[in-house]
Amino acid sequence: MSHYDLGMVRAFVQVYETGSVREASENLFVTQPAVSYSLGKLRRIFGDELFVRRGHRMHPTEKASALYPRLRQALQSLEDVMGQEPVFEPAVSSRTFTLQLTDLAIHGLLPRILRVTKHYAPHLRIQVQPLQLSRVADDLFHERADAAIFSGPLSVPEIRQDLLFAQDYVGVCSPRHPRIGTRPALGEYLAEKHVVFSHESGHDGIPRRVEALGHRLEVAVDVPSFMVLPNVLSDTHFLAYAPRITAENFEAEGKVRTFELPFEVPPSEASLYTLKRTPASPPHAWLRRIIRFALAGGTPEPQEGRPPFPPSDVFLADDDGWAGADQPSADQPSVGQLGADD
């Protein structure tokens, strides 16, 4: 049986994540020779160089890249067990949970989440970070965030996806646009200049759909957020798009006019993303369920014939009874049920 210790695993994970023996030693509060010694032992165990120096950085071998997710998860599982509260009691816990949200999610979803979490966990602190789609998986994996809510695919085996809701897209333009009616033809739509959204928003499917049809939008401006649409469109004849409820909220304020897009496009699907943990972390299992409960229309007050939200002892194991994206639950909200959202 191979001889190994926890320090070797920590050294491997730190060198993989930092690309530097020096930075790994500083993070672990040990000497650089100690990190190098641990790597030497791991190289003998796995029969592989694991890291190759190129310039000033340590680059992982194919073997190291295959080992990293498993060793990182094993290390995290142990730290979760050793560092977690003996029993997670939401009513008295003062933990800080970090959520990554788009600006629309902050506007439309965060108040619902806070209303429920503060009822069951009044001392809990919620820290909100702006979401960057290109790094969200890495932030979840390295625990810079506990959960993220956004629209867009994220196919990472170590990340759990729970579909929250879906809604379709509509076109958006100035209320005074002279050429676009409620159902423009494809040619009329393509003849205009357009506002599109960056990949980081998770809402770049419309331009890609147009390209799949053999066309290309004439882009006038690329913006990061739907919240700027009323100002951008008010004095221009540009066309844009948005999830239906967001667009209709803008329209109700008299800031834009909506129209039906002249082609079919997949709906916007907002999901909750969290790190899979083995063994389960009671605080994170609670967070996952409370968010789903809040965004499915759950209310803190007990309803007739229905008990209040389950107490903390339910969260001693991860609850797969709450359906994932491929198994919608009975209380999953329908398209547009949640109002302004992302």
C-alpha atoms as a PDB file:
ATOM      1  CA  MET A   1       0.000   0.000   0.000  1.00  0.00           C
ATOM      2  CA  SER A   2       1.358   3.457  -0.907  1.00  0.00           C
ATOM      3  CA  HIS A   3       2.438   5.712   1.956  1.00  0.00           C
ATOM      4  CA  TYR A   4       0.852   9.126   1.747  1.00  0.00           C
ATOM      5  CA  ASP A   5      -0.406  11.865   4.042  1.00  0.00           C
ATOM      6  CA  LEU A   6      -2.778  14.816   3.875  1.00  0.00           C
ATOM      7  CA  GLY A   7       0.101  17.259   3.448  1.00  0.00           C
ATOM      8  CA  MET A   8       1.018  15.639   0.136  1.00  0.00           C
ATOM      9  CA  VAL A   9      -2.522  16.075  -1.171  1.00  0.00           C
ATOM     10  CA  ARG A  10      -2.611  19.710  -0.036  1.00  0.00           C
ATOM     11  CA  ALA A  11       0.735  20.381  -1.733  1.00  0.00           C
ATOM     12  CA  PHE A  12      -0.487  18.849  -4.990  1.00  0.00           C
ATOM     13  CA  VAL A  13      -3.721  20.837  -4.986  1.00  0.00           C
ATOM     14  CA  GLN A  14      -1.953  24.115  -4.197  1.00  0.00           C
ATOM     15  CA  VAL A  15       0.691  23.685  -6.896  1.00  0.00           C
ATOM     16  CA  TYR A  16      -2.010  22.752  -9.404  1.00  0.00           C
ATOM     17  CA  GLU A  17      -4.093  25.825  -8.548  1.00  0.00           C
ATOM     18  CA  THR A  18      -1.251  28.343  -8.265  1.00  0.00           C
ATOM     19  CA  GLY A  19       1.220  26.933 -10.791  1.00  0.00           C
ATOM     20  CA  SER A  20       3.985  27.776  -8.350  1.00  0.00           C
ATOM     21  CA  VAL A  21       5.899  25.904  -5.646  1.00  0.00           C
ATOM     22  CA  ARG A  22       6.652  29.239  -3.982  1.00  0.00           C
ATOM     23  CA  GLU A  23       2.998  30.361  -3.847  1.00  0.00           C
ATOM     24  CA  ALA A  24       1.937  26.895  -2.676  1.00  0.00           C
ATOM     25  CA  SER A  25       4.455  27.014   0.171  1.00  0.00           C
ATOM     26  CA  GLU A  26       3.236  30.468   1.212  1.00  0.00           C
ATOM     27  CA  ASN A  27      -0.405  29.356   1.187  1.00  0.00           C
ATOM     28  CA  LEU A  28       0.400  26.237   3.205  1.00  0.00           C
ATOM     29  CA  PHE A  29       2.819  28.039   5.592  1.00  0.00           C
ATOM     30  CA  VAL A  30       5.598  25.543   4.888  1.00  0.00           C
ATOM     31  CA  THR A  31       8.977  25.802   3.161  1.00  0.00           C
ATOM     32  CA  GLN A  32       9.441  25.361  -0.585  1.00  0.00           C
ATOM     33  CA  PRO A  33      11.639  22.261  -0.040  1.00  0.00           C
ATOM     34  CA  ALA A  34       8.751  20.718   1.939  1.00  0.00           C
ATOM     35  CA  VAL A  35       6.397  21.207  -1.009  1.00  0.00           C
ATOM     36  CA  SER A  36       8.984  19.820  -3.440  1.00  0.00           C
ATOM     37  CA  TYR A  37       9.516  16.810  -1.150  1.00  0.00           C
ATOM     38  CA  SER A  38       5.744  16.108  -1.105  1.00  0.00           C
ATOM     39  CA  LEU A  39       5.596  16.339  -4.899  1.00  0.00           C
ATOM     40  CA  GLY A  40       8.530  13.938  -5.159  1.00  0.00           C
ATOM     41  CA  LYS A  41       6.703  11.360  -3.057  1.00  0.00           C
ATOM     42  CA  LEU A  42       3.541  11.750  -5.148  1.00  0.00           C
ATOM     43  CA  ARG A  43       5.545  11.341  -8.345  1.00  0.00           C
ATOM     44  CA  ARG A  44       6.827   8.015  -7.088  1.00  0.00           C
ATOM     45  CA  ILE A  45       3.352   6.896  -6.027  1.00  0.00           C
ATOM     46  CA  PHE A  46       1.741   7.739  -9.382  1.00  0.00           C
ATOM     47  CA  GLY A  47       4.745   7.033 -11.599  1.00  0.00           C
ATOM     48  CA  ASP A  48       4.374  10.403 -13.343  1.00  0.00           C
ATOM     49  CA  GLU A  49       6.133  13.784 -13.326  1.00  0.00           C
ATOM     50  CA  LEU A  50       2.786  15.453 -12.442  1.00  0.00           C
ATOM     51  CA  PHE A  51       4.190  18.963 -13.081  1.00  0.00           C
ATOM     52  CA  VAL A  52       6.660  20.262 -15.654  1.00  0.00           C
ATOM     53  CA  ARG A  53       8.341  23.642 -15.258  1.00  0.00           C
ATOM     54  CA  ARG A  54       7.974  26.009 -18.191  1.00  0.00           C
ATOM     55  CA  GLY A  55       9.451  29.386 -17.509  1.00  0.00           C
ATOM     56  CA  HIS A  56       8.299  30.474 -14.075  1.00  0.00           C
ATOM     57  CA  ARG A  57       5.205  28.259 -13.936  1.00  0.00           C
ATOM     58  CA  MET A  58       4.517  24.636 -13.087  1.00  0.00           C
ATOM     59  CA  HIS A  59       2.273  23.075 -15.745  1.00  0.00           C
ATOM     60  CA  PRO A  60       0.314  19.886 -14.915  1.00  0.00           C
ATOM     61  CA  THR A  61       0.768  16.734 -16.941  1.00  0.00           C
ATOM     62  CA  GLU A  62      -2.197  14.863 -18.358  1.00  0.00           C
ATOM     63  CA  LYS A  63      -2.049  12.547 -15.342  1.00  0.00           C
ATOM     64  CA  ALA A  64      -2.113  15.485 -12.917  1.00  0.00           C
ATOM     65  CA  SER A  65      -5.088  17.035 -14.707  1.00  0.00           C
ATOM     66  CA  ALA A  66      -6.981  13.749 -14.355  1.00  0.00           C
ATOM     67  CA  LEU A  67      -6.071  13.433 -10.658  1.00  0.00           C
ATOM     68  CA  TYR A  68      -6.843  17.010  -9.632  1.00  0.00           C
ATOM     69  CA  PRO A  69     -10.683  16.927  -9.526  1.00  0.00           C
ATOM     70  CA  ARG A  70     -10.687  13.745  -7.437  1.00  0.00           C
ATOM     71  CA  LEU A  71      -7.979  14.883  -5.013  1.00  0.00           C
ATOM     72  CA  ARG A  72      -9.507  18.351  -4.708  1.00  0.00           C
ATOM     73  CA  GLN A  73     -12.928  16.843  -3.952  1.00  0.00           C
ATOM     74  CA  ALA A  74     -11.447  14.403  -1.427  1.00  0.00           C
ATOM     75  CA  LEU A  75      -9.596  17.219   0.326  1.00  0.00           C
ATOM     76  CA  GLN A  76     -12.683  19.437   0.337  1.00  0.00           C
ATOM     77  CA  SER A  77     -14.841  16.639   1.727  1.00  0.00           C
ATOM     78  CA  LEU A  78     -12.468  16.143   4.628  1.00  0.00           C
ATOM     79  CA  GLU A  79     -12.281  19.871   5.330  1.00  0.00           C
ATOM     80  CA  ASP A  80     -16.088  20.099   5.201  1.00  0.00           C
ATOM     81  CA  VAL A  81     -16.389  17.343   7.800  1.00  0.00           C
ATOM     82  CA  MET A  82     -13.695  18.760  10.075  1.00  0.00           C
ATOM     83  CA  GLY A  83     -14.666  22.398   9.724  1.00  0.00           C
ATOM     84  CA  GLN A  84     -18.452  22.385   9.650  1.00  0.00           C
ATOM     85  CA  GLU A  85     -20.705  23.235  12.545  1.00  0.00           C
ATOM     86  CA  PRO A  86     -21.386  20.058  14.603  1.00  0.00           C
ATOM     87  CA  VAL A  87     -25.084  20.444  13.744  1.00  0.00           C
ATOM     88  CA  PHE A  88     -26.248  23.104  11.330  1.00  0.00           C
ATOM     89  CA  GLU A  89     -28.988  25.129  13.011  1.00  0.00           C
ATOM     90  CA  PRO A  90     -30.257  27.812  10.625  1.00  0.00           C
ATOM     91  CA  ALA A  91     -32.061  29.660  13.403  1.00  0.00           C
ATOM     92  CA  VAL A  92     -28.807  30.447  15.228  1.00  0.00           C
ATOM     93  CA  SER A  93     -26.160  30.148  12.513  1.00  0.00           C
ATOM     94  CA  SER A  94     -24.163  33.256  11.600  1.00  0.00           C
ATOM     95  CA  ARG A  95     -22.549  31.745   8.506  1.00  0.00           C
ATOM     96  CA  THR A  96     -21.905  33.822   5.410  1.00  0.00           C
ATOM     97  CA  PHE A  97     -23.102  32.389   2.099  1.00  0.00           C
ATOM     98  CA  THR A  98     -21.830  33.900  -1.133  1.00  0.00           C
ATOM     99  CA  LEU A  99     -24.181  34.027  -4.132  1.00  0.00           C
ATOM    100  CA  GLN A 100     -23.188  35.015  -7.650  1.00  0.00           C
ATOM    101  CA  LEU A 101     -26.049  36.714  -9.516  1.00  0.00           C
ATOM    102  CA  THR A 102     -26.633  38.834 -12.587  1.00  0.00           C
ATOM    103  CA  ASP A 103     -28.068  42.303 -12.102  1.00  0.00           C
ATOM    104  CA  LEU A 104     -31.508  41.077 -13.203  1.00  0.00           C
ATOM    105  CA  ALA A 105     -31.354  38.262 -10.659  1.00  0.00           C
ATOM    106  CA  ILE A 106     -30.383  40.762  -7.969  1.00  0.00           C
ATOM    107  CA  HIS A 107     -33.394  42.886  -8.907  1.00  0.00           C
ATOM    108  CA  GLY A 108     -35.962  40.130  -9.389  1.00  0.00           C
ATOM    109  CA  LEU A 109     -34.851  37.077  -7.371  1.00  0.00           C
ATOM    110  CA  LEU A 110     -32.705  38.239  -4.462  1.00  0.00           C
ATOM    111  CA  PRO A 111     -35.589  39.862  -2.509  1.00  0.00           C
ATOM    112  CA  ARG A 112     -37.511  36.538  -2.581  1.00  0.00           C
ATOM    113  CA  ILE A 113     -34.460  34.620  -1.399  1.00  0.00           C
ATOM    114  CA  LEU A 114     -33.780  37.091   1.405  1.00  0.00           C
ATOM    115  CA  ARG A 115     -37.397  37.100   2.590  1.00  0.00           C
ATOM    116  CA  VAL A 116     -37.311  33.351   3.171  1.00  0.00           C
ATOM    117  CA  THR A 117     -33.723  32.952   4.402  1.00  0.00           C
ATOM    118  CA  LYS A 118     -34.071  35.767   6.932  1.00  0.00           C
ATOM    119  CA  HIS A 119     -37.235  34.164   8.294  1.00  0.00           C
ATOM    120  CA  TYR A 120     -35.574  30.817   8.983  1.00  0.00           C
ATOM    121  CA  ALA A 121     -32.011  32.063   9.549  1.00  0.00           C
ATOM    122  CA  PRO A 122     -32.179  35.632  10.920  1.00  0.00           C
ATOM    123  CA  HIS A 123     -28.447  35.806  11.718  1.00  0.00           C
ATOM    124  CA  LEU A 124     -27.308  34.536   8.340  1.00  0.00           C
ATOM    125  CA  ARG A 125     -25.303  36.855   6.102  1.00  0.00           C
ATOM    126  CA  ILE A 126     -25.711  36.798   2.327  1.00  0.00           C
ATOM    127  CA  GLN A 127     -22.861  38.184   0.254  1.00  0.00           C
ATOM    128  CA  VAL A 128     -23.712  38.882  -3.391  1.00  0.00           C
ATOM    129  CA  GLN A 129     -21.082  38.972  -6.113  1.00  0.00           C
ATOM    130  CA  PRO A 130     -21.548  39.945  -9.778  1.00  0.00           C
ATOM    131  CA  LEU A 131     -21.612  36.840 -11.926  1.00  0.00           C
ATOM    132  CA  GLN A 132     -19.013  36.252 -14.630  1.00  0.00           C
ATOM    133  CA  LEU A 133     -20.013  33.315 -16.757  1.00  0.00           C
ATOM    134  CA  SER A 134     -16.458  32.517 -17.859  1.00  0.00           C
ATOM    135  CA  ARG A 135     -15.273  31.908 -14.306  1.00  0.00           C
ATOM    136  CA  VAL A 136     -18.359  30.817 -12.380  1.00  0.00           C
ATOM    137  CA  ALA A 137     -17.505  27.092 -12.488  1.00  0.00           C
ATOM    138  CA  ASP A 138     -14.021  27.820 -11.164  1.00  0.00           C
ATOM    139  CA  ASP A 139     -15.438  30.062  -8.427  1.00  0.00           C
ATOM    140  CA  LEU A 140     -17.870  27.350  -7.311  1.00  0.00           C
ATOM    141  CA  PHE A 141     -15.230  24.645  -7.474  1.00  0.00           C
ATOM    142  CA  HIS A 142     -12.764  26.656  -5.392  1.00  0.00           C
ATOM    143  CA  GLU A 143     -15.495  27.889  -3.019  1.00  0.00           C
ATOM    144  CA  ARG A 144     -15.239  31.547  -3.844  1.00  0.00           C
ATOM    145  CA  ALA A 145     -19.012  31.218  -4.238  1.00  0.00           C
ATOM    146  CA  ASP A 146     -21.527  28.856  -2.613  1.00  0.00           C
ATOM    147  CA  ALA A 147     -24.175  29.107  -5.324  1.00  0.00           C
ATOM    148  CA  ALA A 148     -24.893  30.869  -8.606  1.00  0.00           C
ATOM    149  CA  ILE A 149     -28.102  31.574 -10.518  1.00  0.00           C
ATOM    150  CA  PHE A 150     -28.034  32.343 -14.215  1.00  0.00           C
ATOM    151  CA  SER A 151     -29.248  31.328 -17.650  1.00  0.00           C
ATOM    152  CA  GLY A 152     -26.876  29.359 -19.802  1.00  0.00           C
ATOM    153  CA  PRO A 153     -25.315  25.903 -19.953  1.00  0.00           C
ATOM    154  CA  LEU A 154     -22.661  24.776 -17.496  1.00  0.00           C
ATOM    155  CA  SER A 155     -21.728  21.162 -18.140  1.00  0.00           C
ATOM    156  CA  VAL A 156     -19.223  20.402 -15.388  1.00  0.00           C
ATOM    157  CA  PRO A 157     -19.543  16.984 -13.675  1.00  0.00           C
ATOM    158  CA  GLU A 158     -18.636  18.398 -10.262  1.00  0.00           C
ATOM    159  CA  ILE A 159     -21.340  21.110 -10.442  1.00  0.00           C
ATOM    160  CA  ARG A 160     -25.001  20.371  -9.680  1.00  0.00           C
ATOM    161  CA  GLN A 161     -27.679  22.060 -11.787  1.00  0.00           C
ATOM    162  CA  ASP A 162     -31.257  22.611 -10.583  1.00  0.00           C
ATOM    163  CA  LEU A 163     -33.605  24.135 -13.148  1.00  0.00           C
ATOM    164  CA  LEU A 164     -35.581  26.930 -11.516  1.00  0.00           C
ATOM    165  CA  PHE A 165     -37.789  28.244 -14.308  1.00  0.00           C
ATOM    166  CA  ALA A 166     -37.883  28.983 -18.021  1.00  0.00           C
ATOM    167  CA  GLN A 167     -39.375  31.715 -20.180  1.00  0.00           C
ATOM    168  CA  ASP A 168     -39.239  32.699 -23.819  1.00  0.00           C
ATOM    169  CA  TYR A 169     -37.617  35.708 -25.455  1.00  0.00           C
ATOM    170  CA  VAL A 170     -39.346  38.603 -27.196  1.00  0.00           C
ATOM    171  CA  GLY A 171     -38.077  41.468 -29.292  1.00  0.00           C
ATOM    172  CA  VAL A 172     -37.765  44.937 -27.782  1.00  0.00           C
ATOM    173  CA  CYS A 173     -37.637  48.342 -29.430  1.00  0.00           C
ATOM    174  CA  SER A 174     -38.471  51.979 -28.859  1.00  0.00           C
ATOM    175  CA  PRO A 175     -42.208  52.682 -28.413  1.00  0.00           C
ATOM    176  CA  ARG A 176     -41.829  55.087 -31.361  1.00  0.00           C
ATOM    177  CA  HIS A 177     -40.029  52.748 -33.763  1.00  0.00           C
ATOM    178  CA  PRO A 178     -41.417  53.615 -37.223  1.00  0.00           C
ATOM    179  CA  ARG A 179     -40.898  50.322 -39.041  1.00  0.00           C
ATOM    180  CA  ILE A 180     -41.322  47.398 -36.613  1.00  0.00           C
ATOM    181  CA  GLY A 181     -44.807  46.112 -35.813  1.00  0.00           C
ATOM    182  CA  THR A 182     -45.939  43.459 -33.385  1.00  0.00           C
ATOM    183  CA  ARG A 183     -44.924  40.577 -35.697  1.00  0.00           C
ATOM    184  CA  PRO A 184     -42.210  41.700 -38.113  1.00  0.00           C
ATOM    185  CA  ALA A 185     -41.114  39.476 -40.978  1.00  0.00           C
ATOM    186  CA  LEU A 186     -37.595  38.060 -40.883  1.00  0.00           C
ATOM    187  CA  GLY A 187     -36.449  40.424 -43.612  1.00  0.00           C
ATOM    188  CA  GLU A 188     -37.781  43.447 -41.714  1.00  0.00           C
ATOM    189  CA  TYR A 189     -36.054  42.267 -38.554  1.00  0.00           C
ATOM    190  CA  LEU A 190     -32.702  41.684 -40.247  1.00  0.00           C
ATOM    191  CA  ALA A 191     -32.796  45.089 -41.977  1.00  0.00           C
ATOM    192  CA  GLU A 192     -32.476  46.901 -38.644  1.00  0.00           C
ATOM    193  CA  LYS A 193     -29.453  47.506 -36.407  1.00  0.00           C
ATOM    194  CA  HIS A 194     -29.361  45.518 -33.190  1.00  0.00           C
ATOM    195  CA  VAL A 195     -28.374  45.545 -29.531  1.00  0.00           C
ATOM    196  CA  VAL A 196     -26.851  42.242 -28.392  1.00  0.00           C
ATOM    197  CA  PHE A 197     -25.548  40.918 -25.113  1.00  0.00           C
ATOM    198  CA  SER A 198     -22.127  39.612 -24.188  1.00  0.00           C
ATOM    199  CA  HIS A 199     -21.429  35.933 -23.662  1.00  0.00           C
ATOM    200  CA  GLU A 200     -20.890  36.683 -19.961  1.00  0.00           C
ATOM    201  CA  SER A 201     -24.606  37.474 -19.656  1.00  0.00           C
ATOM    202  CA  GLY A 202     -25.626  33.939 -20.678  1.00  0.00           C
ATOM    203  CA  HIS A 203     -28.105  35.470 -23.144  1.00  0.00           C
ATOM    204  CA  ASP A 204     -26.284  35.335 -26.472  1.00  0.00           C
ATOM    205  CA  GLY A 205     -28.579  32.714 -28.030  1.00  0.00           C
ATOM    206  CA  ILE A 206     -30.458  35.084 -30.368  1.00  0.00           C
ATOM    207  CA  PRO A 207     -27.454  36.048 -32.529  1.00  0.00           C
ATOM    208  CA  ARG A 208     -26.372  32.403 -32.625  1.00  0.00           C
ATOM    209  CA  ARG A 209     -29.863  31.351 -33.728  1.00  0.00           C
ATOM    210  CA  VAL A 210     -29.835  33.945 -36.514  1.00  0.00           C
ATOM    211  CA  GLU A 211     -26.457  32.644 -37.678  1.00  0.00           C
ATOM    212  CA  ALA A 212     -27.825  29.075 -37.646  1.00  0.00           C
ATOM    213  CA  LEU A 213     -30.530  30.288 -40.047  1.00  0.00           C
ATOM    214  CA  GLY A 214     -27.822  31.528 -42.408  1.00  0.00           C
ATOM    215  CA  HIS A 215     -28.022  35.236 -41.534  1.00  0.00           C
ATOM    216  CA  ARG A 216     -26.135  37.723 -39.404  1.00  0.00           C
ATOM    217  CA  LEU A 217     -27.369  40.634 -37.293  1.00  0.00           C
ATOM    218  CA  GLU A 218     -25.964  44.072 -37.945  1.00  0.00           C
ATOM    219  CA  VAL A 219     -24.802  44.856 -34.421  1.00  0.00           C
ATOM    220  CA  ALA A 220     -24.822  48.491 -33.307  1.00  0.00           C
ATOM    221  CA  VAL A 221     -23.884  47.928 -29.666  1.00  0.00           C
ATOM    222  CA  ASP A 222     -22.911  45.027 -27.403  1.00  0.00           C
ATOM    223  CA  VAL A 223     -23.968  45.533 -23.769  1.00  0.00           C
ATOM    224  CA  PRO A 224     -23.531  43.472 -20.590  1.00  0.00           C
ATOM    225  CA  SER A 225     -27.002  43.832 -19.106  1.00  0.00           C
ATOM    226  CA  PHE A 226     -30.715  44.025 -19.929  1.00  0.00           C
ATOM    227  CA  MET A 227     -31.118  46.846 -17.428  1.00  0.00           C
ATOM    228  CA  VAL A 228     -29.634  49.366 -19.868  1.00  0.00           C
ATOM    229  CA  LEU A 229     -32.178  48.606 -22.608  1.00  0.00           C
ATOM    230  CA  PRO A 230     -34.709  51.377 -21.848  1.00  0.00           C
ATOM    231  CA  ASN A 231     -32.012  54.054 -22.035  1.00  0.00           C
ATOM    232  CA  VAL A 232     -30.295  52.560 -25.077  1.00  0.00           C
ATOM    233  CA  LEU A 233     -33.525  52.152 -27.050  1.00  0.00           C
ATOM    234  CA  SER A 234     -35.311  55.350 -26.046  1.00  0.00           C
ATOM    235  CA  ASP A 235     -33.524  57.601 -28.571  1.00  0.00           C
ATOM    236  CA  THR A 236     -32.579  55.039 -31.233  1.00  0.00           C
ATOM    237  CA  HIS A 237     -34.245  52.749 -33.733  1.00  0.00           C
ATOM    238  CA  PHE A 238     -32.181  49.739 -32.662  1.00  0.00           C
ATOM    239  CA  LEU A 239     -33.799  46.379 -31.947  1.00  0.00           C
ATOM    240  CA  ALA A 240     -33.005  44.203 -28.926  1.00  0.00           C
ATOM    241  CA  TYR A 241     -34.407  41.158 -27.139  1.00  0.00           C
ATOM    242  CA  ALA A 242     -35.054  40.118 -23.548  1.00  0.00           C
ATOM    243  CA  PRO A 243     -36.766  37.404 -21.498  1.00  0.00           C
ATOM    244  CA  ARG A 244     -40.509  38.033 -21.814  1.00  0.00           C
ATOM    245  CA  ILE A 245     -41.247  39.098 -18.236  1.00  0.00           C
ATOM    246  CA  THR A 246     -38.308  41.486 -18.126  1.00  0.00           C
ATOM    247  CA  ALA A 247     -39.381  43.028 -21.430  1.00  0.00           C
ATOM    248  CA  GLU A 248     -43.022  43.308 -20.362  1.00  0.00           C
ATOM    249  CA  ASN A 249     -41.993  45.022 -17.129  1.00  0.00           C
ATOM    250  CA  PHE A 250     -40.099  47.616 -19.163  1.00  0.00           C
ATOM    251  CA  GLU A 251     -43.083  47.954 -21.505  1.00  0.00           C
ATOM    252  CA  ALA A 252     -45.483  48.489 -18.592  1.00  0.00           C
ATOM    253  CA  GLU A 253     -43.345  51.453 -17.537  1.00  0.00           C
ATOM    254  CA  GLY A 254     -43.708  52.913 -21.036  1.00  0.00           C
ATOM    255  CA  LYS A 255     -39.988  52.623 -21.715  1.00  0.00           C
ATOM    256  CA  VAL A 256     -40.012  50.108 -24.594  1.00  0.00           C
ATOM    257  CA  ARG A 257     -42.367  48.199 -26.873  1.00  0.00           C
ATOM    258  CA  THR A 258     -42.256  44.425 -27.307  1.00  0.00           C
ATOM    259  CA  PHE A 259     -42.762  42.355 -30.445  1.00  0.00           C
ATOM    260  CA  GLU A 260     -42.649  38.688 -31.368  1.00  0.00           C
ATOM    261  CA  LEU A 261     -39.385  37.451 -32.852  1.00  0.00           C
ATOM    262  CA  PRO A 262     -39.709  36.160 -36.449  1.00  0.00           C
ATOM    263  CA  PHE A 263     -38.121  32.790 -35.627  1.00  0.00           C
ATOM    264  CA  GLU A 264     -38.224  30.182 -32.904  1.00  0.00           C
ATOM    265  CA  VAL A 265     -35.529  30.289 -30.254  1.00  0.00           C
ATOM    266  CA  PRO A 266     -34.943  28.076 -27.200  1.00  0.00           C
ATOM    267  CA  PRO A 267     -36.312  29.606 -23.977  1.00  0.00           C
ATOM    268  CA  SER A 268     -34.203  31.221 -21.329  1.00  0.00           C
ATOM    269  CA  GLU A 269     -33.690  28.633 -18.576  1.00  0.00           C
ATOM    270  CA  ALA A 270     -32.502  29.912 -15.207  1.00  0.00           C
ATOM    271  CA  SER A 271     -30.791  27.330 -13.022  1.00  0.00           C
ATOM    272  CA  LEU A 272     -29.247  27.140  -9.584  1.00  0.00           C
ATOM    273  CA  TYR A 273     -25.666  25.868  -9.678  1.00  0.00           C
ATOM    274  CA  THR A 274     -23.894  24.443  -6.617  1.00  0.00           C
ATOM    275  CA  LEU A 275     -20.872  22.256  -5.996  1.00  0.00           C
ATOM    276  CA  LYS A 276     -21.548  18.549  -5.532  1.00  0.00           C
ATOM    277  CA  ARG A 277     -20.207  17.473  -2.145  1.00  0.00           C
ATOM    278  CA  THR A 278     -19.433  13.987  -0.869  1.00  0.00           C
ATOM    279  CA  PRO A 279     -20.160  13.601   1.961  1.00  0.00           C
ATOM    280  CA  ALA A 280     -22.938  16.157   1.900  1.00  0.00           C
ATOM    281  CA  SER A 281     -22.514  19.487   3.668  1.00  0.00           C
ATOM    282  CA  PRO A 282     -25.613  20.250   5.796  1.00  0.00           C
ATOM    283  CA  PRO A 283     -25.271  24.049   5.424  1.00  0.00           C
ATOM    284  CA  HIS A 284     -24.957  23.850   1.649  1.00  0.00           C
ATOM    285  CA  ALA A 285     -27.795  21.341   1.360  1.00  0.00           C
ATOM    286  CA  TRP A 286     -29.946  23.784   3.347  1.00  0.00           C
ATOM    287  CA  LEU A 287     -28.923  26.692   1.115  1.00  0.00           C
ATOM    288  CA  ARG A 288     -29.798  24.756  -2.018  1.00  0.00           C
ATOM    289  CA  ARG A 289     -33.236  23.781  -0.723  1.00  0.00           C
ATOM    290  CA  ILE A 290     -34.087  27.178   0.713  1.00  0.00           C
ATOM    291  CA  ILE A 291     -33.320  28.897  -2.615  1.00  0.00           C
ATOM    292  CA  ARG A 292     -35.460  26.410  -4.529  1.00  0.00           C
ATOM    293  CA  PHE A 293     -38.209  26.802  -1.930  1.00  0.00           C
ATOM    294  CA  ALA A 294     -38.101  30.607  -2.164  1.00  0.00           C
ATOM    295  CA  LEU A 295     -38.090  30.752  -5.968  1.00  0.00           C
ATOM    296  CA  ALA A 296     -40.842  28.161  -6.288  1.00  0.00           C
ATOM    297  CA  GLY A 297     -43.136  30.591  -4.489  1.00  0.00           C
ATOM    298  CA  GLY A 298     -42.567  29.203  -0.994  1.00  0.00           C
ATOM    299  CA  THR A 299     -43.792  31.323   1.886  1.00  0.00           C
ATOM    300  CA  PRO A 300     -42.311  31.496   5.408  1.00  0.00           C
ATOM    301  CA  GLU A 301     -45.773  31.376   6.959  1.00  0.00           C
ATOM    302  CA  PRO A 302     -47.348  27.940   7.507  1.00  0.00           C
ATOM    303  CA  GLN A 303     -50.268  27.271   5.210  1.00  0.00           C
ATOM    304  CA  GLU A 304     -53.361  25.281   6.067  1.00  0.00           C
ATOM    305  CA  GLY A 305     -52.685  21.592   5.522  1.00  0.00           C
ATOM    306  CA  ARG A 306     -48.998  22.219   4.842  1.00  0.00           C
ATOM    307  CA  PRO A 307     -46.266  22.299   7.501  1.00  0.00           C
ATOM    308  CA  PRO A 308     -43.725  25.116   7.633  1.00  0.00           C
ATOM    309  CA  PHE A 309     -40.348  24.668   5.937  1.00  0.00           C
ATOM    310  CA  PRO A 310     -38.518  21.634   7.408  1.00  0.00           C
ATOM    311  CA  PRO A 311     -36.267  22.162  10.458  1.00  0.00           C
ATOM    312  CA  SER A 312     -32.481  21.818  10.420  1.00  0.00           C
ATOM    313  CA  ASP A 313     -32.308  18.079  11.089  1.00  0.00           C
ATOM    314  CA  VAL A 314     -33.574  17.485   7.559  1.00  0.00           C
ATOM    315  CA  PHE A 315     -30.282  18.833   6.224  1.00  0.00           C
ATOM    316  CA  LEU A 316     -27.874  16.301   7.699  1.00  0.00           C
ATOM    317  CA  ALA A 317     -27.638  14.788   4.212  1.00  0.00           C
ATOM    318  CA  ASP A 318     -27.970  16.211   0.735  1.00  0.00           C
ATOM    319  CA  ASP A 319     -31.557  16.035  -0.377  1.00  0.00           C
ATOM    320  CA  ASP A 320     -31.896  14.578  -3.838  1.00  0.00           C
ATOM    321  CA  GLY A 321     -35.647  14.532  -3.330  1.00  0.00           C
ATOM    322  CA  TRP A 322     -35.643  18.034  -4.783  1.00  0.00           C
ATOM    323  CA  ALA A 323     -35.623  17.286  -8.468  1.00  0.00           C
ATOM    324  CA  GLY A 324     -32.765  18.332 -10.691  1.00  0.00           C
ATOM    325  CA  ALA A 325     -32.959  19.932 -14.101  1.00  0.00           C
ATOM    326  CA  ASP A 326     -33.867  16.648 -15.772  1.00  0.00           C
ATOM    327  CA  GLN A 327     -36.639  15.828 -13.294  1.00  0.00           C
ATOM    328  CA  PRO A 328     -38.901  18.840 -12.692  1.00  0.00           C
ATOM    329  CA  SER A 329     -40.622  18.774  -9.343  1.00  0.00           C
ATOM    330  CA  ALA A 330     -44.355  19.143  -8.890  1.00  0.00           C
ATOM    331  CA  ASP A 331     -43.959  22.602  -7.395  1.00  0.00           C
ATOM    332  CA  GLN A 332     -41.585  23.912 -10.066  1.00  0.00           C
ATOM    333  CA  PRO A 333     -42.865  27.298 -11.297  1.00  0.00           C
ATOM    334  CA  SER A 334     -44.054  27.682 -14.848  1.00  0.00           C
ATOM    335  CA  VAL A 335     -42.726  30.039 -17.487  1.00  0.00           C
ATOM    336  CA  GLY A 336     -43.068  33.646 -16.388  1.00  0.00           C
ATOM    337  CA  GLN A 337     -44.406  32.791 -12.947  1.00  0.00           C
ATOM    338  CA  LEU A 338     -41.520  34.404 -11.131  1.00  0.00           C
ATOM    339  CA  GLY A 339     -41.657  37.858 -12.683  1.00  0.00           C
ATOM    340  CA  ALA A 340     -38.507  39.876 -13.414  1.00  0.00           C
ATOM    341  CA  ASP A 341     -35.678  37.451 -13.397  1.00  0.00           C
ATOM    342  CA  ASP A 342     -32.640  36.116 -15.143  1.00  0.00           C
END
